[in-house]
Amino acid sequence: MNELSDAELETLIDEATADCYNEDEELTGFAVMLDGNLDLPFETTVLGVTVSAKEIGQAASGIPAICVRGRTGRPFPSSTSQCQTRSRTALN
């Protein structure tokens, strides 16, 4: 898939946050939008290391991607960590 334009990205943001009254609801809106539209797993680079984003979570600080690296599927960079990543090309 091609990278989304800024206008397409803005449209998705508007859809995700249309009925939100505060930041908590906006976070939930983004999580729901990603859950329905993100093709998992996808590969990305974090700190110069290629990782595979296997799952998207939701936390008070944002929407983390649960990433693993290598053939053994070791979590990156540790078993309890989450990597925050942005990939426009991973959206449908």
PDB file of N, CA and C in Angstrom:
ATOM      1  N   MET A   1       0.837  -1.176   0.000  1.00  0.00           N
ATOM      2  CA  MET A   1       0.000   0.000   0.000  1.00  0.00           C
ATOM      3  C   MET A   1       0.885   1.242   0.000  1.00  0.00           C
ATOM      4  N   ASN A   2       0.423   2.271  -0.651  1.00  0.00           N
ATOM      5  CA  ASN A   2       1.144   3.529  -0.672  1.00  0.00           C
ATOM      6  C   ASN A   2       0.958   4.285   0.636  1.00  0.00           C
ATOM      7  N   GLU A   3       1.884   5.177   0.915  1.00  0.00           N
ATOM      8  CA  GLU A   3       1.801   6.004   2.112  1.00  0.00           C
ATOM      9  C   GLU A   3       0.590   6.931   2.009  1.00  0.00           C
ATOM     10  N   LEU A   4      -0.084   7.141   3.137  1.00  0.00           N
ATOM     11  CA  LEU A   4      -1.244   8.023   3.163  1.00  0.00           C
ATOM     12  C   LEU A   4      -0.807   9.476   3.050  1.00  0.00           C
ATOM     13  N   SER A   5      -1.599  10.269   2.356  1.00  0.00           N
ATOM     14  CA  SER A   5      -1.323  11.700   2.273  1.00  0.00           C
ATOM     15  C   SER A   5      -1.725  12.358   3.600  1.00  0.00           C
ATOM     16  N   ASP A   6      -1.275  13.577   3.799  1.00  0.00           N
ATOM     17  CA  ASP A   6      -1.668  14.301   5.008  1.00  0.00           C
ATOM     18  C   ASP A   6      -3.179  14.478   5.079  1.00  0.00           C
ATOM     19  N   ALA A   7      -3.828  14.732   3.935  1.00  0.00           N
ATOM     20  CA  ALA A   7      -5.285  14.897   3.911  1.00  0.00           C
ATOM     21  C   ALA A   7      -5.997  13.601   4.291  1.00  0.00           C
ATOM     22  N   GLU A   8      -5.512  12.466   3.774  1.00  0.00           N
ATOM     23  CA  GLU A   8      -6.111  11.172   4.128  1.00  0.00           C
ATOM     24  C   GLU A   8      -5.923  10.873   5.606  1.00  0.00           C
ATOM     25  N   LEU A   9      -4.743  11.185   6.122  1.00  0.00           N
ATOM     26  CA  LEU A   9      -4.475  10.972   7.541  1.00  0.00           C
ATOM     27  C   LEU A   9      -5.381  11.858   8.406  1.00  0.00           C
ATOM     28  N   GLU A  10      -5.561  13.114   8.017  1.00  0.00           N
ATOM     29  CA  GLU A  10      -6.451  14.026   8.739  1.00  0.00           C
ATOM     30  C   GLU A  10      -7.886  13.509   8.737  1.00  0.00           C
ATOM     31  N   THR A  11      -8.332  12.953   7.612  1.00  0.00           N
ATOM     32  CA  THR A  11      -9.684  12.394   7.521  1.00  0.00           C
ATOM     33  C   THR A  11      -9.851  11.244   8.512  1.00  0.00           C
ATOM     34  N   LEU A  12      -8.850  10.362   8.593  1.00  0.00           N
ATOM     35  CA  LEU A  12      -8.917   9.248   9.548  1.00  0.00           C
ATOM     36  C   LEU A  12      -8.943   9.758  10.984  1.00  0.00           C
ATOM     37  N   ILE A  13      -8.159  10.776  11.273  1.00  0.00           N
ATOM     38  CA  ILE A  13      -8.147  11.363  12.621  1.00  0.00           C
ATOM     39  C   ILE A  13      -9.514  11.948  12.947  1.00  0.00           C
ATOM     40  N   ASP A  14     -10.101  12.672  11.993  1.00  0.00           N
ATOM     41  CA  ASP A  14     -11.429  13.249  12.206  1.00  0.00           C
ATOM     42  C   ASP A  14     -12.468  12.163  12.469  1.00  0.00           C
ATOM     43  N   GLU A  15     -12.403  11.063  11.724  1.00  0.00           N
ATOM     44  CA  GLU A  15     -13.338   9.956  11.923  1.00  0.00           C
ATOM     45  C   GLU A  15     -13.167   9.328  13.299  1.00  0.00           C
ATOM     46  N   ALA A  16     -11.922   9.158  13.724  1.00  0.00           N
ATOM     47  CA  ALA A  16     -11.637   8.499  15.001  1.00  0.00           C
ATOM     48  C   ALA A  16     -12.064   9.337  16.194  1.00  0.00           C
ATOM     49  N   THR A  17     -12.077  10.668  16.023  1.00  0.00           N
ATOM     50  CA  THR A  17     -12.333  11.548  17.170  1.00  0.00           C
ATOM     51  C   THR A  17     -13.619  12.355  17.040  1.00  0.00           C
ATOM     52  N   ALA A  18     -14.474  11.998  16.098  1.00  0.00           N
ATOM     53  CA  ALA A  18     -15.667  12.794  15.785  1.00  0.00           C
ATOM     54  C   ALA A  18     -16.566  13.054  16.994  1.00  0.00           C
ATOM     55  N   ASP A  19     -16.842  12.084  17.803  1.00  0.00           N
ATOM     56  CA  ASP A  19     -17.778  12.242  18.914  1.00  0.00           C
ATOM     57  C   ASP A  19     -17.089  12.263  20.273  1.00  0.00           C
ATOM     58  N   CYS A  20     -15.831  12.627  20.311  1.00  0.00           N
ATOM     59  CA  CYS A  20     -15.058  12.591  21.550  1.00  0.00           C
ATOM     60  C   CYS A  20     -15.151  13.926  22.295  1.00  0.00           C
ATOM     61  N   TYR A  21     -15.256  13.833  23.611  1.00  0.00           N
ATOM     62  CA  TYR A  21     -15.373  15.024  24.442  1.00  0.00           C
ATOM     63  C   TYR A  21     -14.099  15.350  25.206  1.00  0.00           C
ATOM     64  N   ASN A  22     -13.157  14.404  25.292  1.00  0.00           N
ATOM     65  CA  ASN A  22     -11.909  14.664  26.011  1.00  0.00           C
ATOM     66  C   ASN A  22     -10.809  13.761  25.460  1.00  0.00           C
ATOM     67  N   GLU A  23      -9.602  13.924  25.995  1.00  0.00           N
ATOM     68  CA  GLU A  23      -8.460  13.160  25.490  1.00  0.00           C
ATOM     69  C   GLU A  23      -8.596  11.660  25.716  1.00  0.00           C
ATOM     70  N   ASP A  24      -9.209  11.254  26.813  1.00  0.00           N
ATOM     71  CA  ASP A  24      -9.407   9.822  27.062  1.00  0.00           C
ATOM     72  C   ASP A  24     -10.291   9.199  25.982  1.00  0.00           C
ATOM     73  N   GLU A  25     -11.355   9.900  25.611  1.00  0.00           N
ATOM     74  CA  GLU A  25     -12.230   9.396  24.561  1.00  0.00           C
ATOM     75  C   GLU A  25     -11.529   9.411  23.208  1.00  0.00           C
ATOM     76  N   GLU A  26     -10.668  10.406  22.968  1.00  0.00           N
ATOM     77  CA  GLU A  26      -9.908  10.442  21.725  1.00  0.00           C
ATOM     78  C   GLU A  26      -8.964   9.249  21.639  1.00  0.00           C
ATOM     79  N   LEU A  27      -8.307   8.923  22.742  1.00  0.00           N
ATOM     80  CA  LEU A  27      -7.407   7.769  22.778  1.00  0.00           C
ATOM     81  C   LEU A  27      -8.173   6.486  22.465  1.00  0.00           C
ATOM     82  N   THR A  28      -9.339   6.338  23.063  1.00  0.00           N
ATOM     83  CA  THR A  28     -10.169   5.166  22.788  1.00  0.00           C
ATOM     84  C   THR A  28     -10.602   5.144  21.329  1.00  0.00           C
ATOM     85  N   GLY A  29     -10.956   6.306  20.772  1.00  0.00           N
ATOM     86  CA  GLY A  29     -11.343   6.381  19.368  1.00  0.00           C
ATOM     87  C   GLY A  29     -10.224   5.942  18.445  1.00  0.00           C
ATOM     88  N   PHE A  30      -8.996   6.392  18.746  1.00  0.00           N
ATOM     89  CA  PHE A  30      -7.848   5.967  17.954  1.00  0.00           C
ATOM     90  C   PHE A  30      -7.620   4.464  18.078  1.00  0.00           C
ATOM     91  N   ALA A  31      -7.735   3.938  19.297  1.00  0.00           N
ATOM     92  CA  ALA A  31      -7.522   2.501  19.513  1.00  0.00           C
ATOM     93  C   ALA A  31      -8.532   1.678  18.715  1.00  0.00           C
ATOM     94  N   VAL A  32      -9.781   2.102  18.724  1.00  0.00           N
ATOM     95  CA  VAL A  32     -10.823   1.397  17.970  1.00  0.00           C
ATOM     96  C   VAL A  32     -10.548   1.482  16.472  1.00  0.00           C
ATOM     97  N   MET A  33     -10.157   2.667  15.987  1.00  0.00           N
ATOM     98  CA  MET A  33      -9.851   2.850  14.565  1.00  0.00           C
ATOM     99  C   MET A  33      -8.677   1.958  14.152  1.00  0.00           C
ATOM    100  N   LEU A  34      -7.625   1.935  14.955  1.00  0.00           N
ATOM    101  CA  LEU A  34      -6.467   1.105  14.638  1.00  0.00           C
ATOM    102  C   LEU A  34      -6.825  -0.372  14.659  1.00  0.00           C
ATOM    103  N   ASP A  35      -7.597  -0.785  15.654  1.00  0.00           N
ATOM    104  CA  ASP A  35      -7.982  -2.189  15.766  1.00  0.00           C
ATOM    105  C   ASP A  35      -8.738  -2.656  14.519  1.00  0.00           C
ATOM    106  N   GLY A  36      -9.552  -1.791  13.971  1.00  0.00           N
ATOM    107  CA  GLY A  36     -10.349  -2.168  12.804  1.00  0.00           C
ATOM    108  C   GLY A  36      -9.652  -2.006  11.468  1.00  0.00           C
ATOM    109  N   ASN A  37      -8.545  -1.256  11.441  1.00  0.00           N
ATOM    110  CA  ASN A  37      -7.945  -0.916  10.159  1.00  0.00           C
ATOM    111  C   ASN A  37      -6.466  -1.229  10.009  1.00  0.00           C
ATOM    112  N   LEU A  38      -5.814  -1.646  11.045  1.00  0.00           N
ATOM    113  CA  LEU A  38      -4.382  -1.888  10.975  1.00  0.00           C
ATOM    114  C   LEU A  38      -4.099  -3.338  10.625  1.00  0.00           C
ATOM    115  N   ASP A  39      -3.276  -3.549   9.606  1.00  0.00           N
ATOM    116  CA  ASP A  39      -2.886  -4.901   9.218  1.00  0.00           C
ATOM    117  C   ASP A  39      -1.723  -5.350  10.094  1.00  0.00           C
ATOM    118  N   LEU A  40      -1.981  -6.297  10.967  1.00  0.00           N
ATOM    119  CA  LEU A  40      -0.953  -6.848  11.845  1.00  0.00           C
ATOM    120  C   LEU A  40      -0.621  -8.254  11.412  1.00  0.00           C
ATOM    121  N   PRO A  41       0.573  -8.708  11.570  1.00  0.00           N
ATOM    122  CA  PRO A  41       1.741  -7.944  12.008  1.00  0.00           C
ATOM    123  C   PRO A  41       2.306  -7.122  10.856  1.00  0.00           C
ATOM    124  N   PHE A  42       3.099  -6.088  11.210  1.00  0.00           N
ATOM    125  CA  PHE A  42       3.826  -5.324  10.209  1.00  0.00           C
ATOM    126  C   PHE A  42       5.232  -5.062  10.725  1.00  0.00           C
ATOM    127  N   GLU A  43       6.144  -4.909   9.791  1.00  0.00           N
ATOM    128  CA  GLU A  43       7.530  -4.645  10.170  1.00  0.00           C
ATOM    129  C   GLU A  43       7.796  -3.156  10.164  1.00  0.00           C
ATOM    130  N   THR A  44       8.622  -2.719  11.111  1.00  0.00           N
ATOM    131  CA  THR A  44       9.058  -1.337  11.192  1.00  0.00           C
ATOM    132  C   THR A  44      10.442  -1.316  11.813  1.00  0.00           C
ATOM    133  N   THR A  45      11.044  -0.176  11.884  1.00  0.00           N
ATOM    134  CA  THR A  45      12.367  -0.044  12.475  1.00  0.00           C
ATOM    135  C   THR A  45      12.268   0.820  13.720  1.00  0.00           C
ATOM    136  N   VAL A  46      12.810   0.328  14.824  1.00  0.00           N
ATOM    137  CA  VAL A  46      12.840   1.053  16.086  1.00  0.00           C
ATOM    138  C   VAL A  46      14.280   1.072  16.569  1.00  0.00           C
ATOM    139  N   LEU A  47      14.817   2.257  16.762  1.00  0.00           N
ATOM    140  CA  LEU A  47      16.192   2.415  17.228  1.00  0.00           C
ATOM    141  C   LEU A  47      17.178   1.639  16.355  1.00  0.00           C
ATOM    142  N   GLY A  48      16.916   1.630  15.046  1.00  0.00           N
ATOM    143  CA  GLY A  48      17.809   0.974  14.100  1.00  0.00           C
ATOM    144  C   GLY A  48      17.658  -0.524  14.011  1.00  0.00           C
ATOM    145  N   VAL A  49      16.692  -1.093  14.699  1.00  0.00           N
ATOM    146  CA  VAL A  49      16.474  -2.541  14.708  1.00  0.00           C
ATOM    147  C   VAL A  49      15.134  -2.849  14.041  1.00  0.00           C
ATOM    148  N   THR A  50      15.119  -3.814  13.133  1.00  0.00           N
ATOM    149  CA  THR A  50      13.872  -4.223  12.505  1.00  0.00           C
ATOM    150  C   THR A  50      13.084  -5.080  13.477  1.00  0.00           C
ATOM    151  N   VAL A  51      11.834  -4.692  13.698  1.00  0.00           N
ATOM    152  CA  VAL A  51      10.951  -5.418  14.604  1.00  0.00           C
ATOM    153  C   VAL A  51       9.629  -5.680  13.898  1.00  0.00           C
ATOM    154  N   SER A  52       8.874  -6.595  14.442  1.00  0.00           N
ATOM    155  CA  SER A  52       7.542  -6.890  13.937  1.00  0.00           C
ATOM    156  C   SER A  52       6.534  -6.469  15.002  1.00  0.00           C
ATOM    157  N   ALA A  53       5.646  -5.548  14.638  1.00  0.00           N
ATOM    158  CA  ALA A  53       4.579  -5.135  15.546  1.00  0.00           C
ATOM    159  C   ALA A  53       3.486  -6.197  15.474  1.00  0.00           C
ATOM    160  N   LYS A  54       3.286  -6.908  16.569  1.00  0.00           N
ATOM    161  CA  LYS A  54       2.350  -8.036  16.605  1.00  0.00           C
ATOM    162  C   LYS A  54       0.976  -7.659  17.127  1.00  0.00           C
ATOM    163  N   GLU A  55       0.921  -6.619  17.962  1.00  0.00           N
ATOM    164  CA  GLU A  55      -0.317  -6.292  18.664  1.00  0.00           C
ATOM    165  C   GLU A  55      -0.310  -4.816  19.017  1.00  0.00           C
ATOM    166  N   ILE A  56      -1.481  -4.217  19.054  1.00  0.00           N
ATOM    167  CA  ILE A  56      -1.621  -2.829  19.467  1.00  0.00           C
ATOM    168  C   ILE A  56      -2.358  -2.829  20.806  1.00  0.00           C
ATOM    169  N   GLY A  57      -1.847  -2.069  21.749  1.00  0.00           N
ATOM    170  CA  GLY A  57      -2.456  -1.994  23.066  1.00  0.00           C
ATOM    171  C   GLY A  57      -3.029  -0.618  23.320  1.00  0.00           C
ATOM    172  N   GLN A  58      -3.417  -0.379  24.551  1.00  0.00           N
ATOM    173  CA  GLN A  58      -3.886   0.940  24.953  1.00  0.00           C
ATOM    174  C   GLN A  58      -3.404   1.187  26.363  1.00  0.00           C
ATOM    175  N   ALA A  59      -2.772   2.338  26.569  1.00  0.00           N
ATOM    176  CA  ALA A  59      -2.255   2.715  27.875  1.00  0.00           C
ATOM    177  C   ALA A  59      -2.572   4.182  28.110  1.00  0.00           C
ATOM    178  N   ALA A  60      -2.464   4.629  29.335  1.00  0.00           N
ATOM    179  CA  ALA A  60      -2.744   6.025  29.653  1.00  0.00           C
ATOM    180  C   ALA A  60      -1.831   6.971  28.869  1.00  0.00           C
ATOM    181  N   SER A  61      -0.628   6.496  28.535  1.00  0.00           N
ATOM    182  CA  SER A  61       0.341   7.343  27.836  1.00  0.00           C
ATOM    183  C   SER A  61       0.199   7.310  26.318  1.00  0.00           C
ATOM    184  N   GLY A  62      -0.647   6.447  25.788  1.00  0.00           N
ATOM    185  CA  GLY A  62      -0.808   6.375  24.340  1.00  0.00           C
ATOM    186  C   GLY A  62      -1.234   5.003  23.877  1.00  0.00           C
ATOM    187  N   ILE A  63      -0.948   4.724  22.618  1.00  0.00           N
ATOM    188  CA  ILE A  63      -1.307   3.447  22.007  1.00  0.00           C
ATOM    189  C   ILE A  63      -0.018   2.762  21.582  1.00  0.00           C
ATOM    190  N   PRO A  64       0.497   1.870  22.418  1.00  0.00           N
ATOM    191  CA  PRO A  64       1.771   1.212  22.107  1.00  0.00           C
ATOM    192  C   PRO A  64       1.579   0.013  21.174  1.00  0.00           C
ATOM    193  N   ALA A  65       2.606  -0.231  20.399  1.00  0.00           N
ATOM    194  CA  ALA A  65       2.651  -1.445  19.584  1.00  0.00           C
ATOM    195  C   ALA A  65       3.523  -2.447  20.330  1.00  0.00           C
ATOM    196  N   ILE A  66       3.034  -3.666  20.497  1.00  0.00           N
ATOM    197  CA  ILE A  66       3.807  -4.725  21.119  1.00  0.00           C
ATOM    198  C   ILE A  66       4.681  -5.314  20.015  1.00  0.00           C
ATOM    199  N   CYS A  67       6.002  -5.154  20.151  1.00  0.00           N
ATOM    200  CA  CYS A  67       6.929  -5.522  19.088  1.00  0.00           C
ATOM    201  C   CYS A  67       7.823  -6.681  19.489  1.00  0.00           C
ATOM    202  N   VAL A  68       8.186  -7.493  18.513  1.00  0.00           N
ATOM    203  CA  VAL A  68       9.137  -8.580  18.726  1.00  0.00           C
ATOM    204  C   VAL A  68      10.186  -8.496  17.632  1.00  0.00           C
ATOM    205  N   ARG A  69      11.335  -9.121  17.883  1.00  0.00           N
ATOM    206  CA  ARG A  69      12.378  -9.151  16.864  1.00  0.00           C
ATOM    207  C   ARG A  69      12.980 -10.538  16.786  1.00  0.00           C
ATOM    208  N   GLY A  70      13.542 -10.838  15.642  1.00  0.00           N
ATOM    209  CA  GLY A  70      14.217 -12.113  15.455  1.00  0.00           C
ATOM    210  C   GLY A  70      13.275 -13.265  15.182  1.00  0.00           C
ATOM    211  N   ARG A  71      13.872 -14.379  14.817  1.00  0.00           N
ATOM    212  CA  ARG A  71      13.093 -15.580  14.484  1.00  0.00           C
ATOM    213  C   ARG A  71      12.403 -16.187  15.693  1.00  0.00           C
ATOM    214  N   THR A  72      12.986 -15.999  16.870  1.00  0.00           N
ATOM    215  CA  THR A  72      12.412 -16.598  18.064  1.00  0.00           C
ATOM    216  C   THR A  72      11.259 -15.785  18.614  1.00  0.00           C
ATOM    217  N   GLY A  73      11.045 -14.592  18.053  1.00  0.00           N
ATOM    218  CA  GLY A  73       9.941 -13.767  18.517  1.00  0.00           C
ATOM    219  C   GLY A  73      10.188 -13.144  19.864  1.00  0.00           C
ATOM    220  N   ARG A  74      11.455 -12.844  20.158  1.00  0.00           N
ATOM    221  CA  ARG A  74      11.760 -12.211  21.441  1.00  0.00           C
ATOM    222  C   ARG A  74      11.168 -10.813  21.479  1.00  0.00           C
ATOM    223  N   PRO A  75      10.512 -10.462  22.579  1.00  0.00           N
ATOM    224  CA  PRO A  75       9.999  -9.099  22.687  1.00  0.00           C
ATOM    225  C   PRO A  75      11.134  -8.095  22.610  1.00  0.00           C
ATOM    226  N   PHE A  76      10.860  -6.939  22.046  1.00  0.00           N
ATOM    227  CA  PHE A  76      11.868  -5.899  21.871  1.00  0.00           C
ATOM    228  C   PHE A  76      11.493  -4.696  22.703  1.00  0.00           C
ATOM    229  N   PRO A  77      12.385  -4.134  23.477  1.00  0.00           N
ATOM    230  CA  PRO A  77      13.712  -4.620  23.811  1.00  0.00           C
ATOM    231  C   PRO A  77      13.739  -5.553  25.010  1.00  0.00           C
ATOM    232  N   SER A  78      12.608  -5.730  25.728  1.00  0.00           N
ATOM    233  CA  SER A  78      12.570  -6.711  26.813  1.00  0.00           C
ATOM    234  C   SER A  78      11.177  -7.306  26.891  1.00  0.00           C
ATOM    235  N   SER A  79      10.996  -8.299  27.729  1.00  0.00           N
ATOM    236  CA  SER A  79       9.729  -9.031  27.759  1.00  0.00           C
ATOM    237  C   SER A  79       8.546  -8.187  28.218  1.00  0.00           C
ATOM    238  N   THR A  80       8.791  -7.083  28.895  1.00  0.00           N
ATOM    239  CA  THR A  80       7.677  -6.272  29.376  1.00  0.00           C
ATOM    240  C   THR A  80       7.579  -4.928  28.675  1.00  0.00           C
ATOM    241  N   SER A  81       8.435  -4.688  27.689  1.00  0.00           N
ATOM    242  CA  SER A  81       8.448  -3.363  27.076  1.00  0.00           C
ATOM    243  C   SER A  81       7.462  -3.270  25.925  1.00  0.00           C
ATOM    244  N   GLN A  82       7.161  -2.060  25.577  1.00  0.00           N
ATOM    245  CA  GLN A  82       6.307  -1.769  24.440  1.00  0.00           C
ATOM    246  C   GLN A  82       7.011  -0.705  23.622  1.00  0.00           C
ATOM    247  N   CYS A  83       6.958  -0.845  22.313  1.00  0.00           N
ATOM    248  CA  CYS A  83       7.571   0.187  21.476  1.00  0.00           C
ATOM    249  C   CYS A  83       6.478   1.023  20.846  1.00  0.00           C
ATOM    250  N   GLN A  84       6.658   2.300  20.843  1.00  0.00           N
ATOM    251  CA  GLN A  84       5.719   3.198  20.209  1.00  0.00           C
ATOM    252  C   GLN A  84       6.195   3.416  18.788  1.00  0.00           C
ATOM    253  N   THR A  85       5.339   3.210  17.828  1.00  0.00           N
ATOM    254  CA  THR A  85       5.730   3.343  16.433  1.00  0.00           C
ATOM    255  C   THR A  85       4.611   3.959  15.627  1.00  0.00           C
ATOM    256  N   ARG A  86       4.969   4.568  14.541  1.00  0.00           N
ATOM    257  CA  ARG A  86       3.980   5.158  13.643  1.00  0.00           C
ATOM    258  C   ARG A  86       4.254   4.618  12.248  1.00  0.00           C
ATOM    259  N   SER A  87       3.258   4.012  11.648  1.00  0.00           N
ATOM    260  CA  SER A  87       3.447   3.492  10.305  1.00  0.00           C
ATOM    261  C   SER A  87       2.233   3.822   9.472  1.00  0.00           C
ATOM    262  N   ARG A  88       2.326   4.836   8.649  1.00  0.00           N
ATOM    263  CA  ARG A  88       1.212   5.214   7.785  1.00  0.00           C
ATOM    264  C   ARG A  88       0.883   4.115   6.787  1.00  0.00           C
ATOM    265  N   THR A  89       1.887   3.360   6.360  1.00  0.00           N
ATOM    266  CA  THR A  89       1.666   2.358   5.323  1.00  0.00           C
ATOM    267  C   THR A  89       1.002   1.110   5.863  1.00  0.00           C
ATOM    268  N   ALA A  90       0.894   0.963   7.173  1.00  0.00           N
ATOM    269  CA  ALA A  90       0.279  -0.236   7.737  1.00  0.00           C
ATOM    270  C   ALA A  90      -1.245  -0.138   7.770  1.00  0.00           C
ATOM    271  N   LEU A  91      -1.791   1.041   7.566  1.00  0.00           N
ATOM    272  CA  LEU A  91      -3.242   1.201   7.578  1.00  0.00           C
ATOM    273  C   LEU A  91      -3.843   0.718   6.266  1.00  0.00           C
ATOM    274  N   ASN A  92      -5.032   0.140   6.332  1.00  0.00           N
ATOM    275  CA  ASN A  92      -5.728  -0.296   5.107  1.00  0.00           C
ATOM    276  C   ASN A  92      -6.056   0.904   4.250  1.00  0.00           C
TER     277      ASN A  92
END
